[in-house]
N, C-alpha and C. Protein backbone atom coordinates (compact mmCIF):
# COMPACT_ATOMS: atom_id res chain seq x y z
N UNK A 1 154.90 160.85 131.79
CA UNK A 1 154.69 160.36 133.14
C UNK A 1 153.46 159.47 133.15
N UNK A 2 153.58 158.31 133.75
CA UNK A 2 152.48 157.36 133.82
C UNK A 2 151.49 157.81 134.88
N UNK A 3 150.22 157.83 134.53
CA UNK A 3 149.17 158.24 135.45
C UNK A 3 148.13 157.12 135.49
N UNK A 4 148.04 156.38 136.61
CA UNK A 4 147.15 155.21 136.63
C UNK A 4 145.66 155.53 136.55
N UNK A 5 145.27 156.79 136.82
CA UNK A 5 143.85 157.10 136.75
C UNK A 5 143.44 157.81 135.46
N UNK A 6 144.40 158.14 134.62
CA UNK A 6 144.08 158.88 133.39
C UNK A 6 143.15 158.09 132.48
N UNK A 7 143.46 156.82 132.22
CA UNK A 7 142.64 156.04 131.30
C UNK A 7 141.21 155.86 131.78
N UNK A 8 140.99 155.46 133.05
CA UNK A 8 139.60 155.33 133.48
C UNK A 8 138.86 156.67 133.51
N UNK A 9 139.55 157.75 133.87
CA UNK A 9 138.88 159.05 133.89
C UNK A 9 138.53 159.53 132.48
N UNK A 10 139.43 159.30 131.53
CA UNK A 10 139.12 159.67 130.15
C UNK A 10 137.95 158.84 129.62
N UNK A 11 137.90 157.56 129.97
CA UNK A 11 136.78 156.71 129.55
C UNK A 11 135.46 157.23 130.11
N UNK A 12 135.42 157.51 131.41
CA UNK A 12 134.19 158.01 132.04
C UNK A 12 133.82 159.38 131.47
N UNK A 13 134.80 160.25 131.31
CA UNK A 13 134.54 161.58 130.76
C UNK A 13 133.99 161.52 129.35
N UNK A 14 134.59 160.66 128.51
CA UNK A 14 134.08 160.49 127.14
C UNK A 14 132.66 159.96 127.15
N UNK A 15 132.41 158.98 128.01
CA UNK A 15 131.06 158.38 128.08
C UNK A 15 130.04 159.42 128.52
N UNK A 16 130.36 160.20 129.53
CA UNK A 16 129.40 161.21 130.02
C UNK A 16 129.14 162.29 128.99
N UNK A 17 130.18 162.75 128.31
CA UNK A 17 129.97 163.74 127.26
C UNK A 17 129.20 163.13 126.09
N UNK A 18 129.52 161.90 125.73
CA UNK A 18 128.83 161.24 124.63
C UNK A 18 127.36 161.05 124.90
N UNK A 19 127.00 160.70 126.14
CA UNK A 19 125.60 160.47 126.50
C UNK A 19 124.75 161.72 126.28
N UNK A 20 125.32 162.90 126.48
CA UNK A 20 124.56 164.13 126.22
C UNK A 20 124.02 164.15 124.80
N UNK A 21 124.85 163.76 123.86
CA UNK A 21 124.47 163.82 122.45
C UNK A 21 123.68 162.59 122.02
N UNK A 22 124.06 161.42 122.52
CA UNK A 22 123.34 160.19 122.19
C UNK A 22 121.88 160.29 122.63
N UNK A 23 121.65 160.87 123.79
CA UNK A 23 120.29 161.01 124.32
C UNK A 23 119.48 162.07 123.58
N UNK A 24 120.14 163.09 123.05
CA UNK A 24 119.43 164.18 122.38
C UNK A 24 119.02 163.83 120.95
N UNK A 25 119.76 162.96 120.30
CA UNK A 25 119.51 162.66 118.90
C UNK A 25 118.18 161.99 118.58
N UNK A 26 117.78 160.95 119.32
CA UNK A 26 116.54 160.25 118.96
C UNK A 26 115.29 161.12 118.96
N UNK A 27 115.20 162.08 119.85
CA UNK A 27 114.02 162.95 119.88
C UNK A 27 113.91 163.78 118.61
N UNK A 28 115.05 164.20 118.07
CA UNK A 28 115.05 164.98 116.83
C UNK A 28 114.57 164.12 115.66
N UNK A 29 114.96 162.84 115.69
CA UNK A 29 114.57 161.92 114.62
C UNK A 29 113.10 161.52 114.77
N UNK A 30 112.66 161.31 116.01
CA UNK A 30 111.28 160.86 116.26
C UNK A 30 110.25 161.93 115.96
N UNK A 31 110.61 163.19 116.17
CA UNK A 31 109.66 164.28 115.95
C UNK A 31 110.35 165.40 115.17
N UNK A 32 110.67 165.15 113.91
CA UNK A 32 111.42 166.14 113.13
C UNK A 32 110.66 167.44 112.90
N UNK A 33 109.34 167.39 112.85
CA UNK A 33 108.58 168.63 112.61
C UNK A 33 108.73 169.59 113.79
N UNK A 34 108.65 169.06 115.00
CA UNK A 34 108.82 169.92 116.18
C UNK A 34 110.24 170.47 116.25
N UNK A 35 111.22 169.62 115.94
CA UNK A 35 112.61 170.06 115.95
C UNK A 35 112.83 171.13 114.88
N UNK A 36 112.25 170.93 113.71
CA UNK A 36 112.39 171.90 112.63
C UNK A 36 111.80 173.25 113.03
N UNK A 37 110.67 173.21 113.73
CA UNK A 37 110.07 174.46 114.21
C UNK A 37 110.97 175.17 115.20
N UNK A 38 111.57 174.41 116.10
CA UNK A 38 112.49 175.01 117.07
C UNK A 38 113.73 175.56 116.37
N UNK A 39 114.22 174.83 115.36
CA UNK A 39 115.39 175.29 114.62
C UNK A 39 115.08 176.59 113.89
N UNK A 40 113.84 176.73 113.40
CA UNK A 40 113.44 177.96 112.72
C UNK A 40 113.47 179.14 113.69
N UNK A 41 113.20 178.90 114.97
CA UNK A 41 113.24 179.99 115.95
C UNK A 41 114.65 180.53 116.13
N UNK A 42 115.66 179.74 115.76
CA UNK A 42 117.04 180.18 115.85
C UNK A 42 117.57 180.74 114.54
N UNK A 43 116.70 180.85 113.54
CA UNK A 43 117.10 181.42 112.26
C UNK A 43 117.53 180.40 111.22
N UNK A 44 117.38 179.11 111.52
CA UNK A 44 117.71 178.08 110.55
C UNK A 44 116.47 177.72 109.74
N UNK A 45 116.65 177.08 108.59
CA UNK A 45 115.47 176.66 107.82
C UNK A 45 114.64 175.65 108.61
N UNK A 46 113.34 175.75 108.50
CA UNK A 46 112.43 174.81 109.17
C UNK A 46 112.37 173.54 108.33
N UNK A 47 113.40 172.73 108.42
CA UNK A 47 113.53 171.55 107.57
C UNK A 47 113.54 170.29 108.42
N UNK A 48 112.56 169.43 108.18
CA UNK A 48 112.52 168.15 108.89
C UNK A 48 113.73 167.30 108.53
N UNK A 49 114.17 167.38 107.29
CA UNK A 49 115.35 166.61 106.86
C UNK A 49 116.59 167.07 107.63
N UNK A 50 116.73 168.38 107.82
CA UNK A 50 117.86 168.90 108.60
C UNK A 50 117.77 168.44 110.05
N UNK A 51 116.56 168.40 110.60
CA UNK A 51 116.37 167.93 111.97
C UNK A 51 116.82 166.48 112.11
N UNK A 52 116.44 165.64 111.16
CA UNK A 52 116.84 164.23 111.19
C UNK A 52 118.36 164.12 111.03
N UNK A 53 118.92 164.91 110.12
CA UNK A 53 120.37 164.89 109.92
C UNK A 53 121.11 165.28 111.21
N UNK A 54 120.62 166.29 111.90
CA UNK A 54 121.23 166.71 113.16
C UNK A 54 121.11 165.60 114.20
N UNK A 55 119.95 164.97 114.26
CA UNK A 55 119.76 163.86 115.21
C UNK A 55 120.71 162.71 114.94
N UNK A 56 120.87 162.35 113.68
CA UNK A 56 121.79 161.27 113.31
C UNK A 56 123.23 161.67 113.66
N UNK A 57 123.58 162.92 113.35
CA UNK A 57 124.92 163.41 113.69
C UNK A 57 125.18 163.30 115.18
N UNK A 58 124.22 163.74 116.00
CA UNK A 58 124.42 163.68 117.45
C UNK A 58 124.61 162.24 117.93
N UNK A 59 123.84 161.32 117.40
CA UNK A 59 123.96 159.92 117.82
C UNK A 59 125.30 159.34 117.38
N UNK A 60 125.65 159.52 116.11
CA UNK A 60 126.88 158.93 115.59
C UNK A 60 128.11 159.55 116.26
N UNK A 61 128.16 160.87 116.33
CA UNK A 61 129.32 161.52 116.95
C UNK A 61 129.38 161.23 118.45
N UNK A 62 128.23 161.17 119.11
CA UNK A 62 128.21 160.83 120.53
C UNK A 62 128.70 159.43 120.78
N UNK A 63 128.29 158.47 119.94
CA UNK A 63 128.79 157.10 120.06
C UNK A 63 130.29 157.02 119.80
N UNK A 64 130.75 157.73 118.77
CA UNK A 64 132.19 157.74 118.48
C UNK A 64 132.97 158.28 119.67
N UNK A 65 132.45 159.32 120.27
CA UNK A 65 133.11 159.91 121.44
C UNK A 65 133.13 158.92 122.60
N UNK A 66 131.99 158.34 122.91
CA UNK A 66 131.90 157.41 124.03
C UNK A 66 132.79 156.18 123.83
N UNK A 67 132.87 155.69 122.60
CA UNK A 67 133.67 154.50 122.31
C UNK A 67 135.15 154.83 122.13
N UNK A 68 135.44 156.11 121.95
CA UNK A 68 136.83 156.48 121.70
C UNK A 68 137.27 156.13 120.30
N UNK A 69 136.39 156.32 119.34
CA UNK A 69 136.67 156.01 117.94
C UNK A 69 136.67 157.32 117.15
N UNK A 70 137.80 157.64 116.55
CA UNK A 70 137.97 158.94 115.89
C UNK A 70 137.62 160.07 116.86
N UNK A 71 138.10 159.92 118.08
CA UNK A 71 137.71 160.79 119.19
C UNK A 71 137.98 162.25 118.92
N UNK A 72 139.17 162.55 118.43
CA UNK A 72 139.51 163.97 118.23
C UNK A 72 138.58 164.61 117.20
N UNK A 73 138.30 163.91 116.12
CA UNK A 73 137.41 164.46 115.10
C UNK A 73 135.98 164.59 115.62
N UNK A 74 135.51 163.57 116.33
CA UNK A 74 134.15 163.62 116.89
C UNK A 74 134.04 164.75 117.90
N UNK A 75 135.05 164.89 118.76
CA UNK A 75 135.01 165.94 119.78
C UNK A 75 135.07 167.33 119.14
N UNK A 76 135.88 167.48 118.11
CA UNK A 76 135.96 168.78 117.43
C UNK A 76 134.64 169.12 116.75
N UNK A 77 134.04 168.16 116.05
CA UNK A 77 132.76 168.40 115.39
C UNK A 77 131.67 168.73 116.40
N UNK A 78 131.63 168.00 117.51
CA UNK A 78 130.62 168.27 118.54
C UNK A 78 130.87 169.60 119.23
N UNK A 79 132.12 169.98 119.41
CA UNK A 79 132.43 171.27 120.03
C UNK A 79 131.94 172.42 119.15
N UNK A 80 132.22 172.33 117.85
CA UNK A 80 131.76 173.38 116.93
C UNK A 80 130.24 173.41 116.86
N UNK A 81 129.62 172.24 116.78
CA UNK A 81 128.16 172.14 116.76
C UNK A 81 127.55 172.77 118.02
N UNK A 82 128.10 172.44 119.17
CA UNK A 82 127.57 172.94 120.44
C UNK A 82 127.76 174.45 120.56
N UNK A 83 128.89 174.95 120.10
CA UNK A 83 129.13 176.39 120.15
C UNK A 83 128.14 177.14 119.26
N UNK A 84 127.94 176.65 118.05
CA UNK A 84 126.98 177.29 117.14
C UNK A 84 125.57 177.21 117.70
N UNK A 85 125.18 176.04 118.20
CA UNK A 85 123.84 175.88 118.77
C UNK A 85 123.65 176.79 119.98
N UNK A 86 124.68 176.99 120.76
CA UNK A 86 124.58 177.87 121.93
C UNK A 86 124.31 179.31 121.53
N UNK A 87 125.03 179.76 120.52
CA UNK A 87 124.85 181.15 120.06
C UNK A 87 123.47 181.32 119.43
N UNK A 88 123.02 180.33 118.66
CA UNK A 88 121.72 180.45 117.98
C UNK A 88 120.53 180.29 118.92
N UNK A 89 120.62 179.37 119.88
CA UNK A 89 119.44 179.01 120.66
C UNK A 89 119.47 179.42 122.13
N UNK A 90 120.60 179.90 122.61
CA UNK A 90 120.69 180.34 124.01
C UNK A 90 121.31 181.73 124.10
N UNK A 91 120.93 182.60 123.17
CA UNK A 91 121.45 183.97 123.11
C UNK A 91 120.80 184.78 124.23
N UNK A 92 121.27 184.58 125.44
CA UNK A 92 120.67 185.23 126.60
C UNK A 92 120.73 186.74 126.52
N UNK A 93 121.69 187.29 125.80
CA UNK A 93 121.83 188.72 125.65
C UNK A 93 120.69 189.32 124.82
N UNK A 94 119.95 188.47 124.10
CA UNK A 94 118.81 188.93 123.31
C UNK A 94 117.48 188.48 123.90
N UNK A 95 117.52 187.65 124.93
CA UNK A 95 116.30 187.07 125.49
C UNK A 95 115.54 188.10 126.32
N UNK A 96 114.22 187.93 126.43
CA UNK A 96 113.45 188.78 127.34
C UNK A 96 113.98 188.63 128.77
N UNK A 97 113.80 189.65 129.57
CA UNK A 97 114.36 189.69 130.92
C UNK A 97 114.00 188.45 131.74
N UNK A 98 112.76 187.97 131.61
CA UNK A 98 112.34 186.82 132.42
C UNK A 98 112.99 185.51 131.96
N UNK A 99 113.61 185.49 130.77
CA UNK A 99 114.26 184.28 130.26
C UNK A 99 115.78 184.35 130.31
N UNK A 100 116.32 185.52 130.60
CA UNK A 100 117.77 185.70 130.51
C UNK A 100 118.55 184.78 131.44
N UNK A 101 118.11 184.62 132.68
CA UNK A 101 118.85 183.80 133.63
C UNK A 101 118.97 182.36 133.14
N UNK A 102 117.85 181.76 132.74
CA UNK A 102 117.87 180.37 132.28
C UNK A 102 118.68 180.23 131.00
N UNK A 103 118.52 181.16 130.06
CA UNK A 103 119.27 181.09 128.81
C UNK A 103 120.77 181.27 129.05
N UNK A 104 121.13 182.14 129.99
CA UNK A 104 122.55 182.32 130.32
C UNK A 104 123.10 181.05 130.97
N UNK A 105 122.32 180.44 131.83
CA UNK A 105 122.73 179.19 132.48
C UNK A 105 122.97 178.10 131.42
N UNK A 106 122.05 177.96 130.47
CA UNK A 106 122.20 176.96 129.41
C UNK A 106 123.40 177.28 128.51
N UNK A 107 123.59 178.55 128.22
CA UNK A 107 124.72 178.97 127.39
C UNK A 107 126.04 178.63 128.09
N UNK A 108 126.15 178.97 129.36
CA UNK A 108 127.39 178.72 130.12
C UNK A 108 127.63 177.21 130.29
N UNK A 109 126.57 176.45 130.51
CA UNK A 109 126.71 174.99 130.60
C UNK A 109 127.27 174.45 129.30
N UNK A 110 126.75 174.94 128.18
CA UNK A 110 127.25 174.49 126.88
C UNK A 110 128.70 174.89 126.66
N UNK A 111 129.09 176.06 127.15
CA UNK A 111 130.50 176.44 127.04
C UNK A 111 131.38 175.47 127.82
N UNK A 112 130.91 175.02 128.98
CA UNK A 112 131.65 174.01 129.74
C UNK A 112 131.77 172.71 128.96
N UNK A 113 130.70 172.30 128.29
CA UNK A 113 130.73 171.10 127.45
C UNK A 113 131.73 171.28 126.32
N UNK A 114 131.73 172.44 125.69
CA UNK A 114 132.69 172.73 124.62
C UNK A 114 134.11 172.63 125.17
N UNK A 115 134.33 173.15 126.37
CA UNK A 115 135.65 173.05 126.99
C UNK A 115 136.08 171.61 127.19
N UNK A 116 135.19 170.77 127.67
CA UNK A 116 135.51 169.35 127.84
C UNK A 116 135.80 168.68 126.52
N UNK A 117 135.03 169.01 125.50
CA UNK A 117 135.27 168.44 124.17
C UNK A 117 136.61 168.88 123.61
N UNK A 118 136.96 170.14 123.80
CA UNK A 118 138.25 170.63 123.31
C UNK A 118 139.41 169.99 124.06
N UNK A 119 139.22 169.67 125.34
CA UNK A 119 140.25 168.92 126.06
C UNK A 119 140.48 167.56 125.41
N UNK A 120 139.40 166.90 125.00
CA UNK A 120 139.55 165.61 124.32
C UNK A 120 140.24 165.77 122.97
N UNK A 121 139.99 166.87 122.28
CA UNK A 121 140.70 167.13 121.03
C UNK A 121 142.20 167.21 121.33
N UNK A 122 142.54 167.85 122.43
CA UNK A 122 143.95 168.03 122.78
C UNK A 122 144.65 166.79 123.28
N UNK A 123 144.01 166.03 124.15
CA UNK A 123 144.69 164.88 124.77
C UNK A 123 144.35 163.55 124.12
N UNK A 124 143.29 163.48 123.34
CA UNK A 124 142.89 162.24 122.72
C UNK A 124 142.03 161.39 123.64
N UNK A 125 141.73 160.19 123.18
CA UNK A 125 140.77 159.31 123.84
C UNK A 125 141.34 158.58 125.05
N UNK A 126 142.65 158.41 125.11
CA UNK A 126 143.26 157.65 126.18
C UNK A 126 143.46 156.20 125.78
N UNK A 127 144.06 155.44 126.69
CA UNK A 127 144.44 154.06 126.41
C UNK A 127 143.24 153.13 126.30
N UNK A 128 142.16 153.45 126.99
CA UNK A 128 140.97 152.58 126.97
C UNK A 128 140.01 153.08 125.89
N UNK A 129 140.39 152.91 124.65
CA UNK A 129 139.58 153.42 123.54
C UNK A 129 139.85 152.61 122.28
N UNK A 130 138.95 152.75 121.31
CA UNK A 130 139.17 152.13 120.01
C UNK A 130 140.30 152.82 119.27
N UNK A 131 140.50 154.10 119.52
CA UNK A 131 141.63 154.80 118.90
C UNK A 131 142.94 154.16 119.32
N UNK A 132 143.08 153.85 120.60
CA UNK A 132 144.32 153.22 121.09
C UNK A 132 144.49 151.83 120.48
N UNK A 133 143.39 151.10 120.34
CA UNK A 133 143.47 149.76 119.73
C UNK A 133 143.90 149.87 118.26
N UNK A 134 143.39 150.87 117.56
CA UNK A 134 143.77 151.06 116.16
C UNK A 134 145.26 151.39 116.06
N UNK A 135 145.75 152.24 116.97
CA UNK A 135 147.18 152.59 116.94
C UNK A 135 148.05 151.38 117.25
N UNK A 136 147.56 150.50 118.13
CA UNK A 136 148.35 149.33 118.52
C UNK A 136 148.34 148.23 117.45
N UNK A 137 147.37 148.26 116.55
CA UNK A 137 147.28 147.24 115.50
C UNK A 137 148.43 147.42 114.50
N UNK A 138 148.86 146.37 113.86
CA UNK A 138 149.91 146.50 112.84
C UNK A 138 149.52 147.53 111.79
N UNK A 139 150.37 148.49 111.58
CA UNK A 139 150.08 149.55 110.62
C UNK A 139 149.10 150.59 111.13
N UNK A 140 148.68 150.47 112.37
CA UNK A 140 147.66 151.36 112.92
C UNK A 140 148.14 152.76 113.20
N UNK A 141 149.44 152.94 113.41
CA UNK A 141 149.95 154.27 113.73
C UNK A 141 149.67 155.27 112.61
N UNK A 142 149.62 154.78 111.38
CA UNK A 142 149.36 155.67 110.25
C UNK A 142 147.93 156.20 110.25
N UNK A 143 147.03 155.53 110.98
CA UNK A 143 145.65 155.98 111.01
C UNK A 143 145.45 157.19 111.89
N UNK A 144 146.38 157.44 112.79
CA UNK A 144 146.25 158.56 113.72
C UNK A 144 147.34 159.57 113.40
N UNK A 145 146.94 160.74 112.96
CA UNK A 145 147.93 161.73 112.55
C UNK A 145 148.24 162.74 113.64
N UNK A 146 147.38 162.88 114.64
CA UNK A 146 147.59 163.88 115.69
C UNK A 146 147.87 163.14 116.98
N UNK A 147 148.94 163.48 117.64
CA UNK A 147 149.29 162.87 118.91
C UNK A 147 149.26 163.95 120.00
N UNK A 148 148.97 163.55 121.26
CA UNK A 148 149.01 164.55 122.32
C UNK A 148 150.42 165.05 122.54
N UNK A 149 150.52 166.29 123.00
CA UNK A 149 151.83 166.85 123.28
C UNK A 149 152.40 166.16 124.51
N UNK A 150 153.65 165.78 124.43
CA UNK A 150 154.30 165.14 125.56
C UNK A 150 155.60 165.87 125.83
N UNK A 151 156.03 165.80 127.07
CA UNK A 151 157.31 166.41 127.43
C UNK A 151 158.42 165.59 126.81
N UNK A 152 159.48 166.26 126.34
CA UNK A 152 160.61 165.51 125.78
C UNK A 152 161.29 164.71 126.90
N UNK A 153 161.90 163.58 126.56
CA UNK A 153 162.60 162.79 127.57
C UNK A 153 163.75 163.58 128.16
N UNK A 154 164.04 163.34 129.41
CA UNK A 154 165.15 164.07 130.08
C UNK A 154 166.35 163.20 130.17
């Protein structure tokens, strides 16, 4: 069924989700020592190189998501990353009583972001994306192996 608002809504949704990660990445790269210290508080190695790698990942995957390029893979990687980060850094069930509310709020917000990312994994980038342009190019259909589920024709 043709939906005239699906493409613009998917574009805006991808852009808004992508901006979350695009905006977070540069700070990790600019101050890797501080990021490494924060990562150590979640049980990860205090590695400036890992902090820079995470920052680059957030920027690249966020841009891919916003542009609709390899959208399903970018959304899946960001969903897994966000879920792991939520458990490690917003474990409200382990937080002191005075921090539990804020940590639970951040955890639940991240779960909502994961939900939005998983929706993109399921439906794809939409018609207004680089993925759609790649599929439309000669031989482009072979580049996309996963298609959204559609109702069979009646």
